[in-house]
Amino acid sequence: MSMRTKLLATVAALPIAGAALFAASAPASATAPKPAPNCVVGYVCVQFINGAVEAIPGGATRTYNPAATMVGITNGSSIDYCVDGNPDFQLKAGWYRDEVQPISTIAPGAVCTS
């Protein structure tokens, strides 16, 4: 095999070796990402860590005692919501949040307490 042929073969193999190295070094996610829950228009849908999804009619309030662990929440209503949890957050109409965290209350409101 000529020197030129060896050089071309080495250069051609570089992208393949680089791709294999990248794939091997990519960190594995501790928790697999969850798909956004399907949510009926006019509802707030909460996806829990156990895979269950609760559809809350727009304008309604839900309290979880003890706190429930969510993995995603979609506001399919036209009303802004406040979600009390750790941390608290606002969920505007049409928004989705994908995060594992405990929640205690979901209530309509444009201004959240914290």
N, C-alpha and C. Protein backbone atom coordinates (compact mmCIF):
# COMPACT_ATOMS: atom_id res chain seq x y z
N MET A 1 0.86 -1.17 0.00
CA MET A 1 0.00 0.00 0.00
C MET A 1 0.90 1.23 0.00
N SER A 2 0.61 2.15 -0.87
CA SER A 2 1.46 3.34 -0.98
C SER A 2 1.20 4.28 0.19
N MET A 3 2.14 5.17 0.40
CA MET A 3 2.03 6.15 1.48
C MET A 3 0.81 7.03 1.27
N ARG A 4 0.53 7.37 0.05
CA ARG A 4 -0.63 8.22 -0.26
C ARG A 4 -1.92 7.48 0.09
N THR A 5 -2.03 6.22 -0.24
CA THR A 5 -3.21 5.42 0.05
C THR A 5 -3.41 5.31 1.57
N LYS A 6 -2.31 5.07 2.31
CA LYS A 6 -2.39 4.98 3.76
C LYS A 6 -2.87 6.30 4.36
N LEU A 7 -2.34 7.40 3.85
CA LEU A 7 -2.73 8.72 4.34
C LEU A 7 -4.20 8.99 4.08
N LEU A 8 -4.69 8.66 2.89
CA LEU A 8 -6.10 8.87 2.55
C LEU A 8 -7.00 7.99 3.42
N ALA A 9 -6.59 6.75 3.66
CA ALA A 9 -7.38 5.86 4.51
C ALA A 9 -7.46 6.40 5.94
N THR A 10 -6.35 6.94 6.45
CA THR A 10 -6.32 7.50 7.80
C THR A 10 -7.21 8.73 7.89
N VAL A 11 -7.12 9.62 6.91
CA VAL A 11 -7.95 10.82 6.90
C VAL A 11 -9.43 10.45 6.78
N ALA A 12 -9.77 9.48 5.98
CA ALA A 12 -11.16 9.05 5.80
C ALA A 12 -11.72 8.45 7.09
N ALA A 13 -10.87 7.82 7.90
CA ALA A 13 -11.33 7.17 9.13
C ALA A 13 -11.51 8.17 10.29
N LEU A 14 -10.93 9.35 10.21
CA LEU A 14 -11.01 10.32 11.30
C LEU A 14 -12.44 10.70 11.69
N PRO A 15 -13.33 11.04 10.74
CA PRO A 15 -14.69 11.40 11.16
C PRO A 15 -15.41 10.26 11.87
N ILE A 16 -15.16 9.03 11.43
CA ILE A 16 -15.81 7.88 12.05
C ILE A 16 -15.29 7.70 13.48
N ALA A 17 -13.97 7.81 13.65
CA ALA A 17 -13.38 7.68 14.98
C ALA A 17 -13.86 8.81 15.89
N GLY A 18 -13.95 10.02 15.35
CA GLY A 18 -14.43 11.15 16.14
C GLY A 18 -15.87 10.96 16.58
N ALA A 19 -16.71 10.45 15.69
CA ALA A 19 -18.11 10.22 16.04
C ALA A 19 -18.22 9.15 17.12
N ALA A 20 -17.42 8.10 17.01
CA ALA A 20 -17.44 7.04 18.02
C ALA A 20 -16.96 7.58 19.36
N LEU A 21 -15.93 8.40 19.36
CA LEU A 21 -15.41 8.98 20.60
C LEU A 21 -16.45 9.89 21.23
N PHE A 22 -17.14 10.70 20.42
CA PHE A 22 -18.17 11.60 20.93
C PHE A 22 -19.31 10.80 21.55
N ALA A 23 -19.74 9.75 20.87
CA ALA A 23 -20.85 8.94 21.38
C ALA A 23 -20.45 8.27 22.68
N ALA A 24 -19.22 7.81 22.80
CA ALA A 24 -18.78 7.13 24.01
C ALA A 24 -18.62 8.10 25.17
N SER A 25 -18.30 9.37 24.88
CA SER A 25 -18.05 10.31 25.96
C SER A 25 -19.29 11.11 26.37
N ALA A 26 -20.39 10.99 25.64
CA ALA A 26 -21.59 11.73 25.99
C ALA A 26 -22.14 11.22 27.31
N PRO A 27 -22.41 12.11 28.28
CA PRO A 27 -22.87 11.65 29.58
C PRO A 27 -24.29 11.11 29.49
N ALA A 28 -24.55 10.07 30.25
CA ALA A 28 -25.90 9.51 30.31
C ALA A 28 -26.72 10.38 31.25
N SER A 29 -27.95 10.67 30.88
CA SER A 29 -28.83 11.49 31.70
C SER A 29 -29.27 10.70 32.92
N ALA A 30 -29.28 11.35 34.08
CA ALA A 30 -29.72 10.69 35.30
C ALA A 30 -31.20 10.35 35.23
N THR A 31 -31.99 11.24 34.63
CA THR A 31 -33.40 10.96 34.43
C THR A 31 -33.73 11.25 32.98
N ALA A 32 -34.37 10.32 32.34
CA ALA A 32 -34.73 10.50 30.94
C ALA A 32 -35.75 11.62 30.81
N PRO A 33 -35.64 12.44 29.77
CA PRO A 33 -36.63 13.51 29.60
C PRO A 33 -38.01 12.93 29.35
N LYS A 34 -39.00 13.58 29.89
CA LYS A 34 -40.39 13.14 29.75
C LYS A 34 -41.07 13.96 28.66
N PRO A 35 -41.93 13.35 27.88
CA PRO A 35 -42.67 14.14 26.87
C PRO A 35 -43.70 15.02 27.56
N ALA A 36 -44.02 16.12 26.91
CA ALA A 36 -45.06 16.99 27.45
C ALA A 36 -46.37 16.21 27.48
N PRO A 37 -47.09 16.29 28.59
CA PRO A 37 -48.36 15.57 28.64
C PRO A 37 -49.34 16.14 27.63
N ASN A 38 -50.12 15.28 27.01
CA ASN A 38 -51.17 15.76 26.12
C ASN A 38 -52.20 16.45 27.00
N CYS A 39 -52.60 17.63 26.61
CA CYS A 39 -53.51 18.40 27.44
C CYS A 39 -54.64 18.95 26.59
N VAL A 40 -55.84 18.75 27.07
CA VAL A 40 -57.03 19.25 26.38
C VAL A 40 -57.07 20.76 26.53
N VAL A 41 -57.43 21.46 25.48
CA VAL A 41 -57.55 22.91 25.53
C VAL A 41 -58.54 23.27 26.64
N GLY A 42 -58.14 24.25 27.46
CA GLY A 42 -58.99 24.69 28.56
C GLY A 42 -58.64 24.05 29.89
N TYR A 43 -57.61 23.20 29.91
CA TYR A 43 -57.19 22.50 31.13
C TYR A 43 -55.73 22.77 31.45
N VAL A 44 -55.37 22.55 32.71
CA VAL A 44 -53.98 22.50 33.14
C VAL A 44 -53.70 21.03 33.42
N CYS A 45 -52.68 20.49 32.77
CA CYS A 45 -52.37 19.07 32.91
C CYS A 45 -51.05 18.89 33.62
N VAL A 46 -51.08 18.09 34.67
CA VAL A 46 -49.89 17.82 35.47
C VAL A 46 -49.51 16.35 35.25
N GLN A 47 -48.26 16.13 34.88
CA GLN A 47 -47.75 14.77 34.76
C GLN A 47 -46.91 14.49 36.01
N PHE A 48 -47.26 13.42 36.72
CA PHE A 48 -46.59 13.07 37.96
C PHE A 48 -45.49 12.05 37.71
N ILE A 49 -44.62 11.90 38.68
CA ILE A 49 -43.46 11.03 38.57
C ILE A 49 -43.87 9.57 38.34
N ASN A 50 -45.07 9.19 38.79
CA ASN A 50 -45.53 7.81 38.60
C ASN A 50 -46.14 7.59 37.22
N GLY A 51 -46.16 8.64 36.37
CA GLY A 51 -46.69 8.52 35.01
C GLY A 51 -48.13 8.97 34.86
N ALA A 52 -48.84 9.15 35.97
CA ALA A 52 -50.24 9.60 35.91
C ALA A 52 -50.29 11.05 35.46
N VAL A 53 -51.38 11.40 34.77
CA VAL A 53 -51.61 12.78 34.33
C VAL A 53 -52.97 13.21 34.85
N GLU A 54 -53.01 14.37 35.51
CA GLU A 54 -54.27 14.93 35.99
C GLU A 54 -54.62 16.15 35.16
N ALA A 55 -55.85 16.19 34.66
CA ALA A 55 -56.35 17.34 33.89
C ALA A 55 -57.23 18.17 34.81
N ILE A 56 -56.81 19.40 35.06
CA ILE A 56 -57.52 20.31 35.96
C ILE A 56 -58.25 21.34 35.10
N PRO A 57 -59.57 21.47 35.24
CA PRO A 57 -60.30 22.45 34.43
C PRO A 57 -59.77 23.87 34.67
N GLY A 58 -59.67 24.66 33.60
CA GLY A 58 -59.21 26.04 33.70
C GLY A 58 -60.02 26.81 34.72
N GLY A 59 -59.34 27.52 35.63
CA GLY A 59 -60.00 28.30 36.67
C GLY A 59 -60.09 27.56 37.99
N ALA A 60 -59.86 26.24 37.98
CA ALA A 60 -59.95 25.44 39.20
C ALA A 60 -58.61 25.46 39.95
N THR A 61 -58.68 25.11 41.23
CA THR A 61 -57.51 25.02 42.09
C THR A 61 -57.34 23.58 42.55
N ARG A 62 -56.10 23.12 42.67
CA ARG A 62 -55.81 21.80 43.22
C ARG A 62 -54.78 21.94 44.32
N THR A 63 -55.00 21.20 45.41
CA THR A 63 -54.06 21.17 46.53
C THR A 63 -53.64 19.73 46.75
N TYR A 64 -52.35 19.52 46.95
CA TYR A 64 -51.80 18.19 47.20
C TYR A 64 -51.18 18.19 48.59
N ASN A 65 -51.74 17.34 49.47
CA ASN A 65 -51.23 17.23 50.83
C ASN A 65 -51.18 15.76 51.19
N PRO A 66 -50.01 15.18 51.20
CA PRO A 66 -48.68 15.78 51.08
C PRO A 66 -48.41 16.22 49.64
N ALA A 67 -47.33 16.97 49.48
CA ALA A 67 -46.95 17.47 48.15
C ALA A 67 -46.76 16.29 47.19
N ALA A 68 -47.10 16.53 45.93
CA ALA A 68 -46.93 15.52 44.88
C ALA A 68 -45.72 15.90 44.04
N THR A 69 -45.07 14.90 43.45
CA THR A 69 -43.90 15.18 42.62
C THR A 69 -44.30 15.19 41.16
N MET A 70 -44.15 16.34 40.52
CA MET A 70 -44.46 16.48 39.11
C MET A 70 -43.19 16.32 38.28
N VAL A 71 -43.38 15.92 37.02
CA VAL A 71 -42.27 15.89 36.06
C VAL A 71 -42.54 16.84 34.90
N GLY A 72 -43.78 17.30 34.78
CA GLY A 72 -44.14 18.24 33.72
C GLY A 72 -45.52 18.80 33.98
N ILE A 73 -45.73 20.02 33.51
CA ILE A 73 -47.05 20.65 33.66
C ILE A 73 -47.29 21.53 32.44
N THR A 74 -48.49 21.43 31.88
CA THR A 74 -48.88 22.20 30.70
C THR A 74 -50.11 23.03 31.03
N ASN A 75 -50.08 24.30 30.71
CA ASN A 75 -51.25 25.16 30.90
C ASN A 75 -51.93 25.32 29.55
N GLY A 76 -52.93 24.50 29.31
CA GLY A 76 -53.70 24.58 28.07
C GLY A 76 -54.89 25.50 28.19
N SER A 77 -55.00 26.21 29.32
CA SER A 77 -56.11 27.14 29.52
C SER A 77 -55.71 28.55 29.08
N SER A 78 -56.64 29.47 29.19
CA SER A 78 -56.35 30.86 28.84
C SER A 78 -56.08 31.70 30.09
N ILE A 79 -55.89 31.02 31.23
CA ILE A 79 -55.70 31.67 32.52
C ILE A 79 -54.27 31.43 33.01
N ASP A 80 -53.62 32.46 33.53
CA ASP A 80 -52.31 32.28 34.16
C ASP A 80 -52.48 31.56 35.49
N TYR A 81 -51.49 30.74 35.85
CA TYR A 81 -51.53 29.97 37.10
C TYR A 81 -50.28 30.20 37.93
N CYS A 82 -50.43 30.01 39.23
CA CYS A 82 -49.30 29.98 40.16
C CYS A 82 -49.21 28.56 40.70
N VAL A 83 -48.00 28.05 40.74
CA VAL A 83 -47.77 26.70 41.26
C VAL A 83 -46.88 26.83 42.49
N ASP A 84 -47.43 26.41 43.63
CA ASP A 84 -46.66 26.41 44.87
C ASP A 84 -45.92 25.09 44.96
N GLY A 85 -44.64 25.18 45.13
CA GLY A 85 -43.81 23.98 45.22
C GLY A 85 -42.44 24.35 45.70
N ASN A 86 -41.48 23.58 45.26
CA ASN A 86 -40.10 23.87 45.64
C ASN A 86 -39.24 23.81 44.39
N PRO A 87 -39.11 24.94 43.65
CA PRO A 87 -39.55 26.30 43.96
C PRO A 87 -40.96 26.58 43.44
N ASP A 88 -41.54 27.71 43.88
CA ASP A 88 -42.81 28.21 43.34
C ASP A 88 -42.53 28.78 41.96
N PHE A 89 -43.52 28.76 41.07
CA PHE A 89 -43.34 29.38 39.76
C PHE A 89 -44.67 29.76 39.16
N GLN A 90 -44.61 30.69 38.20
CA GLN A 90 -45.79 31.10 37.46
C GLN A 90 -45.86 30.26 36.19
N LEU A 91 -47.07 29.84 35.83
CA LEU A 91 -47.30 29.08 34.61
C LEU A 91 -48.33 29.85 33.78
N LYS A 92 -47.83 30.64 32.84
CA LYS A 92 -48.72 31.46 32.02
C LYS A 92 -49.52 30.59 31.06
N ALA A 93 -50.63 31.15 30.58
CA ALA A 93 -51.48 30.45 29.62
C ALA A 93 -50.65 30.01 28.41
N GLY A 94 -50.77 28.74 28.04
CA GLY A 94 -50.05 28.20 26.89
C GLY A 94 -48.64 27.74 27.18
N TRP A 95 -48.16 27.89 28.41
CA TRP A 95 -46.79 27.51 28.75
C TRP A 95 -46.71 26.06 29.20
N TYR A 96 -45.50 25.52 29.12
CA TYR A 96 -45.19 24.18 29.59
C TYR A 96 -43.91 24.24 30.42
N ARG A 97 -43.86 23.46 31.47
CA ARG A 97 -42.63 23.38 32.28
C ARG A 97 -42.29 21.91 32.49
N ASP A 98 -41.06 21.56 32.19
CA ASP A 98 -40.58 20.18 32.31
C ASP A 98 -39.52 20.16 33.40
N GLU A 99 -39.93 19.77 34.60
CA GLU A 99 -39.01 19.76 35.74
C GLU A 99 -39.54 18.82 36.81
N VAL A 100 -38.65 18.07 37.41
CA VAL A 100 -39.04 17.19 38.52
C VAL A 100 -38.96 18.00 39.80
N GLN A 101 -40.10 18.16 40.46
CA GLN A 101 -40.14 18.92 41.71
C GLN A 101 -41.45 18.66 42.44
N PRO A 102 -41.44 18.86 43.77
CA PRO A 102 -42.68 18.72 44.52
C PRO A 102 -43.57 19.95 44.32
N ILE A 103 -44.88 19.72 44.27
CA ILE A 103 -45.84 20.82 44.19
C ILE A 103 -46.92 20.58 45.24
N SER A 104 -47.47 21.67 45.79
CA SER A 104 -48.50 21.55 46.81
C SER A 104 -49.83 22.18 46.38
N THR A 105 -49.77 23.24 45.58
CA THR A 105 -51.00 23.91 45.13
C THR A 105 -50.82 24.43 43.71
N ILE A 106 -51.89 24.30 42.93
CA ILE A 106 -51.96 24.89 41.58
C ILE A 106 -53.21 25.75 41.60
N ALA A 107 -53.05 27.07 41.41
CA ALA A 107 -54.19 27.97 41.51
C ALA A 107 -54.09 29.09 40.48
N PRO A 108 -55.25 29.58 39.98
CA PRO A 108 -55.22 30.71 39.06
C PRO A 108 -54.60 31.92 39.73
N GLY A 109 -53.83 32.66 38.95
CA GLY A 109 -53.24 33.88 39.47
C GLY A 109 -52.16 34.40 38.56
N ALA A 110 -52.18 35.68 38.31
CA ALA A 110 -51.17 36.31 37.46
C ALA A 110 -49.96 36.76 38.27
N VAL A 111 -50.14 36.93 39.59
CA VAL A 111 -49.04 37.34 40.45
C VAL A 111 -48.89 36.28 41.54
N CYS A 112 -47.74 35.62 41.56
CA CYS A 112 -47.49 34.56 42.54
C CYS A 112 -46.83 35.16 43.78
N THR A 113 -47.04 34.53 44.92
CA THR A 113 -46.53 35.07 46.18
C THR A 113 -45.01 35.03 46.27
N SER A 114 -44.35 34.07 45.60
CA SER A 114 -42.89 34.05 45.68
C SER A 114 -42.26 33.72 44.36
